Amino acid sequence: MESDSTKSILNDLRGRDLLFIFGSIALVFSCYLLVSRITAGIGFPLDDSWIHQIYARNLAEKGEWAFRPGVLSAGSTSPLWSALLSVGYWLGIPKFIWTFSLAGGILLILSCLCEWIVRREVPSYHPKYPWVGLIISSEWHLVWAGLSGMETLLHALLATSVLALLVVNFRNYVIIGILAGISIWARPDGLTLLGPILLVIFYSLVQDPKEWPLFGRFLIGFMTFFGLYLYFNLMVGGTPMPNTFYAKQAEYLSWRNVPIITRIGRMLLQLLAGTGLVLLPGVIYWLVTTIKRKRISYLAIILWLAGYFGLYVLRLPVYQHGRYFMPAMPGMFLLGLLGMMEFVGKPATSALQRRLKIAWISGTIAIVLAFVLLGARAYSQDVRLIETEMVASAKWVAVELPPGSLIAAHDIGALGFFDNHAIVDLAGLISPEVIPFIRDEDRLREYLNQKGVDYLIVMPGFYQELTDGLSIVYSSKESGGGVLDGRSMTVYQWEKP
């Protein structure tokens, strides 16, 4: 079935299908936000989300790519996402309404894309309702990602779009190259898409050496946007990649000391918590089918998924529901749904096969629905943590600390959004000079003394030596804040030598 794609998604999906998927997203988003509102209020489940809001606000209001007005910096992991958020500030739309609406639109397109691919690839799948789109739009990892305020879902859409074009044997490799290049503007992880794209191109060259122009066309599209990306980062930060690219790897260097079996186990626990568990047999079934049919595009996707998950297992910790893996999850879910719909669509040859079909379908629906509620609960708890620790502390600092004070902090998102004091960033996002010694507390102390810091704001469990003996000015416990690893966000008076 590997043929040129000339149909659009909207031609294959009816308005009724779009309405069902849109309704699913609206219902699930409302459920998450309602539970969050009751539990902790409306907010973001990550402090990093506020960093994007800062860059977006300054871009819209000041015309600057800066964390602090007047100082260019490369502290945003996703220039594309921050730029899209800035449109809301420019139009005067409240930040939460614009951010969540943007995420809902992205999830709608992603869900329709997956529905379209399954309809193309599985002839027996011609449903009355868009089941694939409904499952994707309700999957709790993707909903959490959409409401996180982060670029995760945008990157997932761009990556899945590239993989979908490879599957349908789309021949315009300039466009594929452009999409791959744009994906890097969403996250540097977009570079991993070079693997499946080049594998498909080289396979085409082996089949027909006259196909060599495909590679050149791809390079034209890809290098145009990748080159602009490198130039942008060099202009605002002095390095070809954003500061986060270097800072995260330095900060989590100790993760590599964790036994590899433990790391893989944690990854699988996150991937299979929910829909992934019931779709795993579909992934295996589709893999076998793919090998039999010699579909190189699907083999390329499977290798990409393995490489993507493996890369993060090796480099970054598995936490916060596996958020670093989330951009690749739609690809895994899509393979699982392809396998599931292929199996379910075949005529049953025995009573056992009929029972398996019923059990698989009903089990998938039950898991999706159950994790809508469980996901909403997890999301609300994450929002509560950020609101009571980071946001509450930031608002206190904005009112109580003297103007002109210099603050050193590890979590700078909410602090930077709600407060205007100058900041020294211990995580290296806007203070990249700390990256070489980011976990060396003795050198950090020397650095803070050199900078003339007045206050230190951290969770003491992360910096036990740096906070030892310092006077506490404020603790988030005073505002009824939550607790992370037995510690609360604390403001210290920095003791200068």
Foldseek 3Di string as FASTA:
>chain_A
DQAADDDDLPVVDDPVQLVVLLVLLVVLLCLLQVLLCVQARQDALDLLLLQLVQQLLCCQPVVARDLAPPAFAQLRQAQVLSVQLNVCVNVVHPSQVSQLVVLSVLLSLLLSLLLSLLVVQAVLDDDPYSVSSSLSSLFLLSSSVSSNSALLSVLLSLLVVLLSCLQNVHQQLLVSLQSLLNSVSSHVCSVLSCQLVVQSQVVVCVVPVVSVVSVVSSCNNNCVSLVVQQVVCCVRHVGSHALCVLLQQLVAVCLQVPDLVVLVVLLVCLLCQFLNVLLVVLLVQLVVVCVVVVRSSLVSLVVSLVVQSVVCSNGHGQDPSRSSSSSSSSSSSSSSVSSLCNLLSDDDPDPVSVVVNVCSVVVSVVRSVVVSNVSSVSRSVSRQQCCLFVQVVLQCCQPPPDAAAEEEEASCSNNSNNHNHHYDHLSCSRPVVNRVVSQPLVVVLVVCLVVVHFKYKYFCVSPVPNCPPFAWPDWSVVVVGDDDPNTGTTMTGHDHD
